[in-house]
PDB file of N, CA and C in Angstrom:
ATOM      1  N   UNK A   1       0.849  -1.169   0.000  1.00  0.00           N
ATOM      2  CA  UNK A   1       0.000   0.000   0.000  1.00  0.00           C
ATOM      3  C   UNK A   1       0.895   1.233   0.000  1.00  0.00           C
ATOM      4  N   UNK A   2       0.550   2.206  -0.798  1.00  0.00           N
ATOM      5  CA  UNK A   2       1.323   3.452  -0.871  1.00  0.00           C
ATOM      6  C   UNK A   2       0.914   4.383   0.274  1.00  0.00           C
ATOM      7  N   UNK A   3       1.726   5.407   0.477  1.00  0.00           N
ATOM      8  CA  UNK A   3       1.388   6.404   1.483  1.00  0.00           C
ATOM      9  C   UNK A   3       0.073   7.093   1.134  1.00  0.00           C
ATOM     10  N   UNK A   4      -0.130   7.386  -0.128  1.00  0.00           N
ATOM     11  CA  UNK A   4      -1.353   8.072  -0.536  1.00  0.00           C
ATOM     12  C   UNK A   4      -2.581   7.232  -0.189  1.00  0.00           C
ATOM     13  N   UNK A   5      -2.518   5.944  -0.483  1.00  0.00           N
ATOM     14  CA  UNK A   5      -3.626   5.049  -0.140  1.00  0.00           C
ATOM     15  C   UNK A   5      -3.826   4.972   1.370  1.00  0.00           C
ATOM     16  N   UNK A   6      -2.733   4.823   2.101  1.00  0.00           N
ATOM     17  CA  UNK A   6      -2.821   4.736   3.547  1.00  0.00           C
ATOM     18  C   UNK A   6      -3.467   5.990   4.139  1.00  0.00           C
ATOM     19  N   UNK A   7      -3.004   7.170   3.705  1.00  0.00           N
ATOM     20  CA  UNK A   7      -3.552   8.414   4.237  1.00  0.00           C
ATOM     21  C   UNK A   7      -5.023   8.572   3.889  1.00  0.00           C
ATOM     22  N   UNK A   8      -5.421   8.149   2.698  1.00  0.00           N
ATOM     23  CA  UNK A   8      -6.838   8.217   2.323  1.00  0.00           C
ATOM     24  C   UNK A   8      -7.666   7.328   3.257  1.00  0.00           C
ATOM     25  N   UNK A   9      -7.218   6.106   3.469  1.00  0.00           N
ATOM     26  CA  UNK A   9      -7.951   5.201   4.356  1.00  0.00           C
ATOM     27  C   UNK A   9      -7.989   5.744   5.781  1.00  0.00           C
ATOM     28  N   UNK A  10      -6.886   6.304   6.229  1.00  0.00           N
ATOM     29  CA  UNK A  10      -6.853   6.851   7.575  1.00  0.00           C
ATOM     30  C   UNK A  10      -7.808   8.035   7.698  1.00  0.00           C
ATOM     31  N   UNK A  11      -7.872   8.870   6.693  1.00  0.00           N
ATOM     32  CA  UNK A  11      -8.729  10.053   6.720  1.00  0.00           C
ATOM     33  C   UNK A  11     -10.207   9.704   6.555  1.00  0.00           C
ATOM     34  N   UNK A  12     -10.512   8.690   5.753  1.00  0.00           N
ATOM     35  CA  UNK A  12     -11.906   8.387   5.429  1.00  0.00           C
ATOM     36  C   UNK A  12     -12.467   7.131   6.082  1.00  0.00           C
ATOM     37  N   UNK A  13     -11.611   6.203   6.497  1.00  0.00           N
ATOM     38  CA  UNK A  13     -12.095   4.921   7.018  1.00  0.00           C
ATOM     39  C   UNK A  13     -11.314   4.449   8.255  1.00  0.00           C
ATOM     40  N   UNK A  14     -10.856   5.357   9.048  1.00  0.00           N
ATOM     41  CA  UNK A  14     -10.038   5.004  10.201  1.00  0.00           C
ATOM     42  C   UNK A  14     -10.743   4.021  11.123  1.00  0.00           C
ATOM     43  N   UNK A  15     -12.025   4.226  11.360  1.00  0.00           N
ATOM     44  CA  UNK A  15     -12.770   3.356  12.261  1.00  0.00           C
ATOM     45  C   UNK A  15     -12.803   1.904  11.825  1.00  0.00           C
ATOM     46  N   UNK A  16     -12.691   1.663  10.550  1.00  0.00           N
ATOM     47  CA  UNK A  16     -12.685   0.301  10.035  1.00  0.00           C
ATOM     48  C   UNK A  16     -11.435  -0.454  10.506  1.00  0.00           C
ATOM     49  N   UNK A  17     -10.368   0.271  10.782  1.00  0.00           N
ATOM     50  CA  UNK A  17      -9.100  -0.344  11.155  1.00  0.00           C
ATOM     51  C   UNK A  17      -8.800  -0.293  12.652  1.00  0.00           C
ATOM     52  N   UNK A  18      -9.281   0.739  13.336  1.00  0.00           N
ATOM     53  CA  UNK A  18      -8.882   0.925  14.731  1.00  0.00           C
ATOM     54  C   UNK A  18     -10.054   1.051  15.700  1.00  0.00           C
ATOM     55  N   UNK A  19     -11.255   0.788  15.245  1.00  0.00           N
ATOM     56  CA  UNK A  19     -12.412   0.986  16.116  1.00  0.00           C
ATOM     57  C   UNK A  19     -12.828   2.448  16.075  1.00  0.00           C
ATOM     58  N   UNK A  20     -13.156   2.988  17.227  1.00  0.00           N
ATOM     59  CA  UNK A  20     -13.608   4.382  17.283  1.00  0.00           C
ATOM     60  C   UNK A  20     -12.496   5.318  16.794  1.00  0.00           C
ATOM     61  N   UNK A  21     -12.777   6.123  15.770  1.00  0.00           N
ATOM     62  CA  UNK A  21     -11.744   7.002  15.213  1.00  0.00           C
ATOM     63  C   UNK A  21     -11.303   8.055  16.229  1.00  0.00           C
ATOM     64  N   UNK A  22     -10.070   7.973  16.626  1.00  0.00           N
ATOM     65  CA  UNK A  22      -9.488   8.896  17.593  1.00  0.00           C
ATOM     66  C   UNK A  22      -8.103   9.315  17.102  1.00  0.00           C
ATOM     67  N   UNK A  23      -7.730  10.534  17.458  1.00  0.00           N
ATOM     68  CA  UNK A  23      -6.449  11.069  17.014  1.00  0.00           C
ATOM     69  C   UNK A  23      -5.289  10.187  17.468  1.00  0.00           C
ATOM     70  N   UNK A  24      -5.297   9.754  18.714  1.00  0.00           N
ATOM     71  CA  UNK A  24      -4.182   8.937  19.198  1.00  0.00           C
ATOM     72  C   UNK A  24      -4.097   7.614  18.445  1.00  0.00           C
ATOM     73  N   UNK A  25      -5.223   7.067  18.049  1.00  0.00           N
ATOM     74  CA  UNK A  25      -5.226   5.826  17.271  1.00  0.00           C
ATOM     75  C   UNK A  25      -4.717   6.073  15.856  1.00  0.00           C
ATOM     76  N   UNK A  26      -5.079   7.214  15.290  1.00  0.00           N
ATOM     77  CA  UNK A  26      -4.577   7.568  13.956  1.00  0.00           C
ATOM     78  C   UNK A  26      -3.064   7.764  14.012  1.00  0.00           C
ATOM     79  N   UNK A  27      -2.597   8.430  15.068  1.00  0.00           N
ATOM     80  CA  UNK A  27      -1.164   8.646  15.221  1.00  0.00           C
ATOM     81  C   UNK A  27      -0.440   7.310  15.341  1.00  0.00           C
ATOM     82  N   UNK A  28      -1.016   6.385  16.116  1.00  0.00           N
ATOM     83  CA  UNK A  28      -0.409   5.056  16.273  1.00  0.00           C
ATOM     84  C   UNK A  28      -0.385   4.302  14.948  1.00  0.00           C
ATOM     85  N   UNK A  29      -1.464   4.405  14.170  1.00  0.00           N
ATOM     86  CA  UNK A  29      -1.514   3.740  12.873  1.00  0.00           C
ATOM     87  C   UNK A  29      -0.461   4.316  11.933  1.00  0.00           C
ATOM     88  N   UNK A  30      -0.338   5.632  11.911  1.00  0.00           N
ATOM     89  CA  UNK A  30       0.660   6.280  11.065  1.00  0.00           C
ATOM     90  C   UNK A  30       2.066   5.852  11.485  1.00  0.00           C
ATOM     91  N   UNK A  31       2.318   5.835  12.773  1.00  0.00           N
ATOM     92  CA  UNK A  31       3.622   5.421  13.285  1.00  0.00           C
ATOM     93  C   UNK A  31       3.925   3.980  12.895  1.00  0.00           C
ATOM     94  N   UNK A  32       2.963   3.088  13.078  1.00  0.00           N
ATOM     95  CA  UNK A  32       3.157   1.686  12.723  1.00  0.00           C
ATOM     96  C   UNK A  32       3.420   1.491  11.244  1.00  0.00           C
ATOM     97  N   UNK A  33       2.662   2.187  10.404  1.00  0.00           N
ATOM     98  CA  UNK A  33       2.852   2.074   8.963  1.00  0.00           C
ATOM     99  C   UNK A  33       4.236   2.574   8.560  1.00  0.00           C
ATOM    100  N   UNK A  34       4.647   3.710   9.139  1.00  0.00           N
ATOM    101  CA  UNK A  34       5.957   4.264   8.820  1.00  0.00           C
ATOM    102  C   UNK A  34       7.078   3.332   9.265  1.00  0.00           C
ATOM    103  N   UNK A  35       6.960   2.781  10.457  1.00  0.00           N
ATOM    104  CA  UNK A  35       7.995   1.877  10.952  1.00  0.00           C
ATOM    105  C   UNK A  35       8.050   0.593  10.138  1.00  0.00           C
ATOM    106  N   UNK A  36       6.892   0.089   9.719  1.00  0.00           N
ATOM    107  CA  UNK A  36       6.868  -1.129   8.903  1.00  0.00           C
ATOM    108  C   UNK A  36       7.540  -0.897   7.548  1.00  0.00           C
ATOM    109  N   UNK A  37       7.407   0.307   7.016  1.00  0.00           N
ATOM    110  CA  UNK A  37       8.054   0.627   5.736  1.00  0.00           C
ATOM    111  C   UNK A  37       9.559   0.747   5.898  1.00  0.00           C
ATOM    112  N   UNK A  38      10.006   1.211   7.057  1.00  0.00           N
ATOM    113  CA  UNK A  38      11.430   1.309   7.327  1.00  0.00           C
ATOM    114  C   UNK A  38      12.196   2.267   6.431  1.00  0.00           C
ATOM    115  N   UNK A  39      11.542   3.306   5.941  1.00  0.00           N
ATOM    116  CA  UNK A  39      12.184   4.237   5.008  1.00  0.00           C
ATOM    117  C   UNK A  39      12.561   5.568   5.649  1.00  0.00           C
ATOM    118  N   UNK A  40      12.293   5.751   6.928  1.00  0.00           N
ATOM    119  CA  UNK A  40      12.679   6.980   7.610  1.00  0.00           C
ATOM    120  C   UNK A  40      11.709   8.137   7.486  1.00  0.00           C
ATOM    121  N   UNK A  41      10.519   7.887   6.967  1.00  0.00           N
ATOM    122  CA  UNK A  41       9.567   8.987   6.780  1.00  0.00           C
ATOM    123  C   UNK A  41       9.152   9.632   8.094  1.00  0.00           C
ATOM    124  N   UNK A  42       8.975   8.832   9.132  1.00  0.00           N
ATOM    125  CA  UNK A  42       8.504   9.382  10.400  1.00  0.00           C
ATOM    126  C   UNK A  42       9.528  10.339  11.005  1.00  0.00           C
ATOM    127  N   UNK A  43      10.788   9.968  11.000  1.00  0.00           N
ATOM    128  CA  UNK A  43      11.835  10.844  11.522  1.00  0.00           C
ATOM    129  C   UNK A  43      11.922  12.127  10.698  1.00  0.00           C
ATOM    130  N   UNK A  44      11.810  11.994   9.385  1.00  0.00           N
ATOM    131  CA  UNK A  44      11.864  13.168   8.515  1.00  0.00           C
ATOM    132  C   UNK A  44      10.645  14.063   8.731  1.00  0.00           C
ATOM    133  N   UNK A  45       9.471  13.471   8.968  1.00  0.00           N
ATOM    134  CA  UNK A  45       8.265  14.247   9.258  1.00  0.00           C
ATOM    135  C   UNK A  45       8.445  15.006  10.572  1.00  0.00           C
ATOM    136  N   UNK A  46       9.044  14.357  11.556  1.00  0.00           N
ATOM    137  CA  UNK A  46       9.297  15.007  12.840  1.00  0.00           C
ATOM    138  C   UNK A  46      10.181  16.242  12.636  1.00  0.00           C
ATOM    139  N   UNK A  47      11.236  16.090  11.871  1.00  0.00           N
ATOM    140  CA  UNK A  47      12.124  17.225  11.586  1.00  0.00           C
ATOM    141  C   UNK A  47      11.384  18.326  10.834  1.00  0.00           C
ATOM    142  N   UNK A  48      10.556  17.933   9.870  1.00  0.00           N
ATOM    143  CA  UNK A  48       9.798  18.884   9.063  1.00  0.00           C
ATOM    144  C   UNK A  48       8.828  19.674   9.943  1.00  0.00           C
ATOM    145  N   UNK A  49       8.113  18.974  10.825  1.00  0.00           N
ATOM    146  CA  UNK A  49       7.162  19.645  11.729  1.00  0.00           C
ATOM    147  C   UNK A  49       7.902  20.568  12.690  1.00  0.00           C
ATOM    148  N   UNK A  50       9.024  20.107  13.219  1.00  0.00           N
ATOM    149  CA  UNK A  50       9.805  20.940  14.144  1.00  0.00           C
ATOM    150  C   UNK A  50      10.293  22.206  13.443  1.00  0.00           C
ATOM    151  N   UNK A  51      10.712  22.075  12.200  1.00  0.00           N
ATOM    152  CA  UNK A  51      11.183  23.234  11.436  1.00  0.00           C
ATOM    153  C   UNK A  51      10.043  24.231  11.196  1.00  0.00           C
ATOM    154  N   UNK A  52       8.841  23.752  10.995  1.00  0.00           N
ATOM    155  CA  UNK A  52       7.678  24.626  10.793  1.00  0.00           C
ATOM    156  C   UNK A  52       7.372  25.450  12.042  1.00  0.00           C
ATOM    157  N   UNK A  53       7.752  24.937  13.188  1.00  0.00           N
ATOM    158  CA  UNK A  53       7.437  25.581  14.461  1.00  0.00           C
ATOM    159  C   UNK A  53       8.692  26.025  15.201  1.00  0.00           C
ATOM    160  N   UNK A  54       9.772  26.169  14.491  1.00  0.00           N
ATOM    161  CA  UNK A  54      11.057  26.512  15.093  1.00  0.00           C
ATOM    162  C   UNK A  54      10.932  27.729  16.007  1.00  0.00           C
ATOM    163  N   UNK A  55      11.360  27.525  17.226  1.00  0.00           N
ATOM    164  CA  UNK A  55      11.389  28.620  18.186  1.00  0.00           C
ATOM    165  C   UNK A  55      10.052  28.954  18.823  1.00  0.00           C
ATOM    166  N   UNK A  56       8.973  28.388  18.315  1.00  0.00           N
ATOM    167  CA  UNK A  56       7.665  28.761  18.859  1.00  0.00           C
ATOM    168  C   UNK A  56       7.079  27.718  19.786  1.00  0.00           C
ATOM    169  N   UNK A  57       7.704  26.540  19.850  1.00  0.00           N
ATOM    170  CA  UNK A  57       7.096  25.499  20.660  1.00  0.00           C
ATOM    171  C   UNK A  57       8.108  24.418  21.013  1.00  0.00           C
ATOM    172  N   UNK A  58       7.882  23.839  22.191  1.00  0.00           N
ATOM    173  CA  UNK A  58       8.684  22.684  22.592  1.00  0.00           C
ATOM    174  C   UNK A  58       7.808  21.433  22.637  1.00  0.00           C
ATOM    175  N   UNK A  59       6.664  21.485  21.960  1.00  0.00           N
ATOM    176  CA  UNK A  59       5.736  20.361  21.953  1.00  0.00           C
ATOM    177  C   UNK A  59       6.299  19.175  21.168  1.00  0.00           C
ATOM    178  N   UNK A  60       5.845  17.981  21.537  1.00  0.00           N
ATOM    179  CA  UNK A  60       6.138  16.795  20.733  1.00  0.00           C
ATOM    180  C   UNK A  60       5.507  17.003  19.367  1.00  0.00           C
ATOM    181  N   UNK A  61       6.095  16.395  18.357  1.00  0.00           N
ATOM    182  CA  UNK A  61       5.605  16.703  17.012  1.00  0.00           C
ATOM    183  C   UNK A  61       4.182  16.224  16.768  1.00  0.00           C
ATOM    184  N   UNK A  62       3.699  15.209  17.481  1.00  0.00           N
ATOM    185  CA  UNK A  62       2.292  14.832  17.342  1.00  0.00           C
ATOM    186  C   UNK A  62       1.389  15.947  17.869  1.00  0.00           C
ATOM    187  N   UNK A  63       1.859  16.672  18.876  1.00  0.00           N
ATOM    188  CA  UNK A  63       1.095  17.804  19.414  1.00  0.00           C
ATOM    189  C   UNK A  63       1.184  19.030  18.518  1.00  0.00           C
ATOM    190  N   UNK A  64       2.234  19.126  17.714  1.00  0.00           N
ATOM    191  CA  UNK A  64       2.339  20.242  16.782  1.00  0.00           C
ATOM    192  C   UNK A  64       1.215  20.200  15.753  1.00  0.00           C
ATOM    193  N   UNK A  65       0.800  19.001  15.364  1.00  0.00           N
ATOM    194  CA  UNK A  65      -0.340  18.865  14.449  1.00  0.00           C
ATOM    195  C   UNK A  65      -1.579  19.453  15.110  1.00  0.00           C
ATOM    196  N   UNK A  66      -1.770  19.163  16.390  1.00  0.00           N
ATOM    197  CA  UNK A  66      -2.926  19.705  17.113  1.00  0.00           C
ATOM    198  C   UNK A  66      -2.838  21.222  17.224  1.00  0.00           C
ATOM    199  N   UNK A  67      -1.630  21.751  17.432  1.00  0.00           N
ATOM    200  CA  UNK A  67      -1.459  23.198  17.501  1.00  0.00           C
ATOM    201  C   UNK A  67      -1.824  23.853  16.172  1.00  0.00           C
ATOM    202  N   UNK A  68      -1.478  23.202  15.062  1.00  0.00           N
ATOM    203  CA  UNK A  68      -1.845  23.750  13.751  1.00  0.00           C
ATOM    204  C   UNK A  68      -3.344  23.634  13.494  1.00  0.00           C
ATOM    205  N   UNK A  69      -3.981  22.680  14.136  1.00  0.00           N
ATOM    206  CA  UNK A  69      -5.414  22.464  13.939  1.00  0.00           C
ATOM    207  C   UNK A  69      -6.251  23.390  14.817  1.00  0.00           C
ATOM    208  N   UNK A  70      -5.872  23.487  16.096  1.00  0.00           N
ATOM    209  CA  UNK A  70      -6.714  24.194  17.070  1.00  0.00           C
ATOM    210  C   UNK A  70      -6.061  25.426  17.690  1.00  0.00           C
ATOM    211  N   UNK A  71      -4.812  25.699  17.350  1.00  0.00           N
ATOM    212  CA  UNK A  71      -4.121  26.850  17.908  1.00  0.00           C
ATOM    213  C   UNK A  71      -3.121  26.445  18.977  1.00  0.00           C
ATOM    214  N   UNK A  72      -2.265  27.393  19.322  1.00  0.00           N
ATOM    215  CA  UNK A  72      -1.227  27.143  20.320  1.00  0.00           C
ATOM    216  C   UNK A  72      -1.844  26.666  21.631  1.00  0.00           C
ATOM    217  N   UNK A  73      -1.142  25.778  22.279  1.00  0.00           N
ATOM    218  CA  UNK A  73      -1.597  25.258  23.558  1.00  0.00           C
ATOM    219  C   UNK A  73      -2.556  24.085  23.451  1.00  0.00           C
ATOM    220  N   UNK A  74      -2.904  23.695  22.232  1.00  0.00           N
ATOM    221  CA  UNK A  74      -3.824  22.572  22.052  1.00  0.00           C
ATOM    222  C   UNK A  74      -3.122  21.265  22.404  1.00  0.00           C
ATOM    223  N   UNK A  75      -3.827  20.410  23.113  1.00  0.00           N
ATOM    224  CA  UNK A  75      -3.334  19.090  23.474  1.00  0.00           C
ATOM    225  C   UNK A  75      -4.444  18.084  23.185  1.00  0.00           C
ATOM    226  N   UNK A  76      -4.128  16.811  23.381  1.00  0.00           N
ATOM    227  CA  UNK A  76      -5.156  15.798  23.160  1.00  0.00           C
ATOM    228  C   UNK A  76      -6.341  15.987  24.097  1.00  0.00           C
ATOM    229  N   UNK A  77      -6.117  16.591  25.254  1.00  0.00           N
ATOM    230  CA  UNK A  77      -7.214  16.867  26.178  1.00  0.00           C
ATOM    231  C   UNK A  77      -8.222  17.847  25.566  1.00  0.00           C
ATOM    232  N   UNK A  78      -7.794  18.622  24.572  1.00  0.00           N
ATOM    233  CA  UNK A  78      -8.659  19.588  23.874  1.00  0.00           C
ATOM    234  C   UNK A  78      -9.672  18.887  22.969  1.00  0.00           C
ATOM    235  N   UNK A  79      -9.411  17.642  22.629  1.00  0.00           N
ATOM    236  CA  UNK A  79     -10.285  16.909  21.714  1.00  0.00           C
ATOM    237  C   UNK A  79     -11.503  16.403  22.490  1.00  0.00           C
ATOM    238  N   UNK A  80     -12.509  17.257  22.574  1.00  0.00           N
ATOM    239  CA  UNK A  80     -13.669  16.976  23.421  1.00  0.00           C
ATOM    240  C   UNK A  80     -14.797  16.249  22.693  1.00  0.00           C
ATOM    241  N   UNK A  81     -14.803  16.290  21.377  1.00  0.00           N
ATOM    242  CA  UNK A  81     -15.913  15.692  20.635  1.00  0.00           C
ATOM    243  C   UNK A  81     -15.395  14.813  19.503  1.00  0.00           C
ATOM    244  N   UNK A  82     -16.292  14.015  18.964  1.00  0.00           N
ATOM    245  CA  UNK A  82     -15.943  13.208  17.793  1.00  0.00           C
ATOM    246  C   UNK A  82     -15.488  14.102  16.641  1.00  0.00           C
ATOM    247  N   UNK A  83     -16.164  15.253  16.485  1.00  0.00           N
ATOM    248  CA  UNK A  83     -15.812  16.179  15.410  1.00  0.00           C
ATOM    249  C   UNK A  83     -14.388  16.712  15.577  1.00  0.00           C
ATOM    250  N   UNK A  84     -13.964  16.951  16.825  1.00  0.00           N
ATOM    251  CA  UNK A  84     -12.587  17.402  17.072  1.00  0.00           C
ATOM    252  C   UNK A  84     -11.586  16.349  16.621  1.00  0.00           C
ATOM    253  N   UNK A  85     -11.878  15.097  16.934  1.00  0.00           N
ATOM    254  CA  UNK A  85     -10.979  14.011  16.524  1.00  0.00           C
ATOM    255  C   UNK A  85     -10.923  13.894  15.006  1.00  0.00           C
ATOM    256  N   UNK A  86     -12.067  13.988  14.359  1.00  0.00           N
ATOM    257  CA  UNK A  86     -12.116  13.906  12.897  1.00  0.00           C
ATOM    258  C   UNK A  86     -11.283  15.034  12.284  1.00  0.00           C
ATOM    259  N   UNK A  87     -11.429  16.234  12.816  1.00  0.00           N
ATOM    260  CA  UNK A  87     -10.673  17.377  12.309  1.00  0.00           C
ATOM    261  C   UNK A  87      -9.169  17.182  12.523  1.00  0.00           C
ATOM    262  N   UNK A  88      -8.782  16.688  13.691  1.00  0.00           N
ATOM    263  CA  UNK A  88      -7.361  16.464  13.991  1.00  0.00           C
ATOM    264  C   UNK A  88      -6.770  15.378  13.088  1.00  0.00           C
ATOM    265  N   UNK A  89      -7.510  14.303  12.876  1.00  0.00           N
ATOM    266  CA  UNK A  89      -7.031  13.220  12.005  1.00  0.00           C
ATOM    267  C   UNK A  89      -6.892  13.732  10.574  1.00  0.00           C
ATOM    268  N   UNK A  90      -7.868  14.493  10.119  1.00  0.00           N
ATOM    269  CA  UNK A  90      -7.812  15.044   8.769  1.00  0.00           C
ATOM    270  C   UNK A  90      -6.603  15.962   8.601  1.00  0.00           C
ATOM    271  N   UNK A  91      -6.324  16.786   9.615  1.00  0.00           N
ATOM    272  CA  UNK A  91      -5.167  17.687   9.559  1.00  0.00           C
ATOM    273  C   UNK A  91      -3.864  16.890   9.554  1.00  0.00           C
ATOM    274  N   UNK A  92      -3.804  15.818  10.352  1.00  0.00           N
ATOM    275  CA  UNK A  92      -2.628  14.949  10.352  1.00  0.00           C
ATOM    276  C   UNK A  92      -2.391  14.384   8.953  1.00  0.00           C
ATOM    277  N   UNK A  93      -3.440  13.892   8.317  1.00  0.00           N
ATOM    278  CA  UNK A  93      -3.315  13.337   6.960  1.00  0.00           C
ATOM    279  C   UNK A  93      -2.891  14.407   5.971  1.00  0.00           C
ATOM    280  N   UNK A  94      -3.473  15.598   6.092  1.00  0.00           N
ATOM    281  CA  UNK A  94      -3.130  16.701   5.194  1.00  0.00           C
ATOM    282  C   UNK A  94      -1.664  17.079   5.355  1.00  0.00           C
ATOM    283  N   UNK A  95      -1.213  17.239   6.588  1.00  0.00           N
ATOM    284  CA  UNK A  95       0.178  17.639   6.821  1.00  0.00           C
ATOM    285  C   UNK A  95       1.159  16.568   6.359  1.00  0.00           C
ATOM    286  N   UNK A  96       0.855  15.306   6.644  1.00  0.00           N
ATOM    287  CA  UNK A  96       1.766  14.252   6.216  1.00  0.00           C
ATOM    288  C   UNK A  96       1.798  14.167   4.692  1.00  0.00           C
ATOM    289  N   UNK A  97       0.650  14.347   4.055  1.00  0.00           N
ATOM    290  CA  UNK A  97       0.605  14.377   2.591  1.00  0.00           C
ATOM    291  C   UNK A  97       1.414  15.531   2.023  1.00  0.00           C
ATOM    292  N   UNK A  98       1.304  16.701   2.645  1.00  0.00           N
ATOM    293  CA  UNK A  98       2.082  17.870   2.222  1.00  0.00           C
ATOM    294  C   UNK A  98       3.578  17.604   2.378  1.00  0.00           C
ATOM    295  N   UNK A  99       3.949  17.010   3.503  1.00  0.00           N
ATOM    296  CA  UNK A  99       5.339  16.640   3.737  1.00  0.00           C
ATOM    297  C   UNK A  99       5.840  15.696   2.639  1.00  0.00           C
ATOM    298  N   UNK A 100       5.053  14.668   2.328  1.00  0.00           N
ATOM    299  CA  UNK A 100       5.473  13.696   1.305  1.00  0.00           C
ATOM    300  C   UNK A 100       5.656  14.355  -0.059  1.00  0.00           C
ATOM    301  N   UNK A 101       4.758  15.264  -0.420  1.00  0.00           N
ATOM    302  CA  UNK A 101       4.874  15.954  -1.713  1.00  0.00           C
ATOM    303  C   UNK A 101       6.135  16.807  -1.769  1.00  0.00           C
ATOM    304  N   UNK A 102       6.447  17.493  -0.674  1.00  0.00           N
ATOM    305  CA  UNK A 102       7.635  18.338  -0.651  1.00  0.00           C
ATOM    306  C   UNK A 102       8.915  17.512  -0.714  1.00  0.00           C
ATOM    307  N   UNK A 103       8.868  16.292  -0.189  1.00  0.00           N
ATOM    308  CA  UNK A 103      10.054  15.458  -0.141  1.00  0.00           C
ATOM    309  C   UNK A 103      10.095  14.403  -1.246  1.00  0.00           C
ATOM    310  N   UNK A 104       9.152  14.458  -2.169  1.00  0.00           N
ATOM    311  CA  UNK A 104       9.116  13.480  -3.265  1.00  0.00           C
ATOM    312  C   UNK A 104      10.346  13.603  -4.151  1.00  0.00           C
ATOM    313  N   UNK A 105      10.851  14.818  -4.300  1.00  0.00           N
ATOM    314  CA  UNK A 105      12.025  15.040  -5.149  1.00  0.00           C
ATOM    315  C   UNK A 105      13.330  14.828  -4.393  1.00  0.00           C
ATOM    316  N   UNK A 106      13.232  14.803  -3.063  1.00  0.00           N
ATOM    317  CA  UNK A 106      14.427  14.626  -2.233  1.00  0.00           C
ATOM    318  C   UNK A 106      14.317  13.285  -1.530  1.00  0.00           C
ATOM    319  N   UNK A 107      15.124  12.315  -1.908  1.00  0.00           N
ATOM    320  CA  UNK A 107      15.024  11.017  -1.258  1.00  0.00           C
ATOM    321  C   UNK A 107      15.355  11.110   0.237  1.00  0.00           C
ATOM    322  N   UNK A 108      14.619  10.361   1.030  1.00  0.00           N
ATOM    323  CA  UNK A 108      14.883  10.291   2.462  1.00  0.00           C
ATOM    324  C   UNK A 108      16.116   9.450   2.698  1.00  0.00           C
ATOM    325  N   UNK A 109      16.667   9.577   3.849  1.00  0.00           N
ATOM    326  CA  UNK A 109      17.851   8.780   4.191  1.00  0.00           C
ATOM    327  C   UNK A 109      17.545   7.302   4.052  1.00  0.00           C
ATOM    328  N   UNK A 110      18.448   6.589   3.446  1.00  0.00           N
ATOM    329  CA  UNK A 110      18.272   5.145   3.301  1.00  0.00           C
ATOM    330  C   UNK A 110      18.532   4.484   4.649  1.00  0.00           C
ATOM    331  N   UNK A 111      17.793   3.416   4.941  1.00  0.00           N
ATOM    332  CA  UNK A 111      18.055   2.709   6.193  1.00  0.00           C
ATOM    333  C   UNK A 111      19.426   2.058   6.153  1.00  0.00           C
ATOM    334  N   UNK A 112      20.063   1.912   7.312  1.00  0.00           N
ATOM    335  CA  UNK A 112      21.394   1.290   7.307  1.00  0.00           C
ATOM    336  C   UNK A 112      21.336  -0.156   6.832  1.00  0.00           C
ATOM    337  N   UNK A 113      22.377  -0.544   6.108  1.00  0.00           N
ATOM    338  CA  UNK A 113      22.442  -1.926   5.637  1.00  0.00           C
ATOM    339  C   UNK A 113      22.982  -2.797   6.750  1.00  0.00           C
ATOM    340  N   UNK A 114      22.466  -3.998   6.833  1.00  0.00           N
ATOM    341  CA  UNK A 114      22.928  -4.943   7.881  1.00  0.00           C
ATOM    342  C   UNK A 114      24.110  -5.733   7.408  1.00  0.00           C
TER     343      UNK A 114
END
């Protein structure tokens, strides 16, 4: 499955894979998919998100997505409704898709050879 397919399923059918669609479950699914691919996308996304917020935040990069969605100071505790989770998951998919498009021309670091 490609990243584009994965992000579409995560954005539109997350509940089919993880039960009740929640931001933390979407984040876990994204992390698992990235680690299974072993191509370094997650680390590069972390750097990309940190660069977008350079100097403005010391939040974990999963929380930076929430800050871009709901404003500074947003945390998972801010996700009070199903609609909040849907919006956060959609923003996560949008940002990761944007990251992938920007890095399509620049290959990510190759994993170390054993």
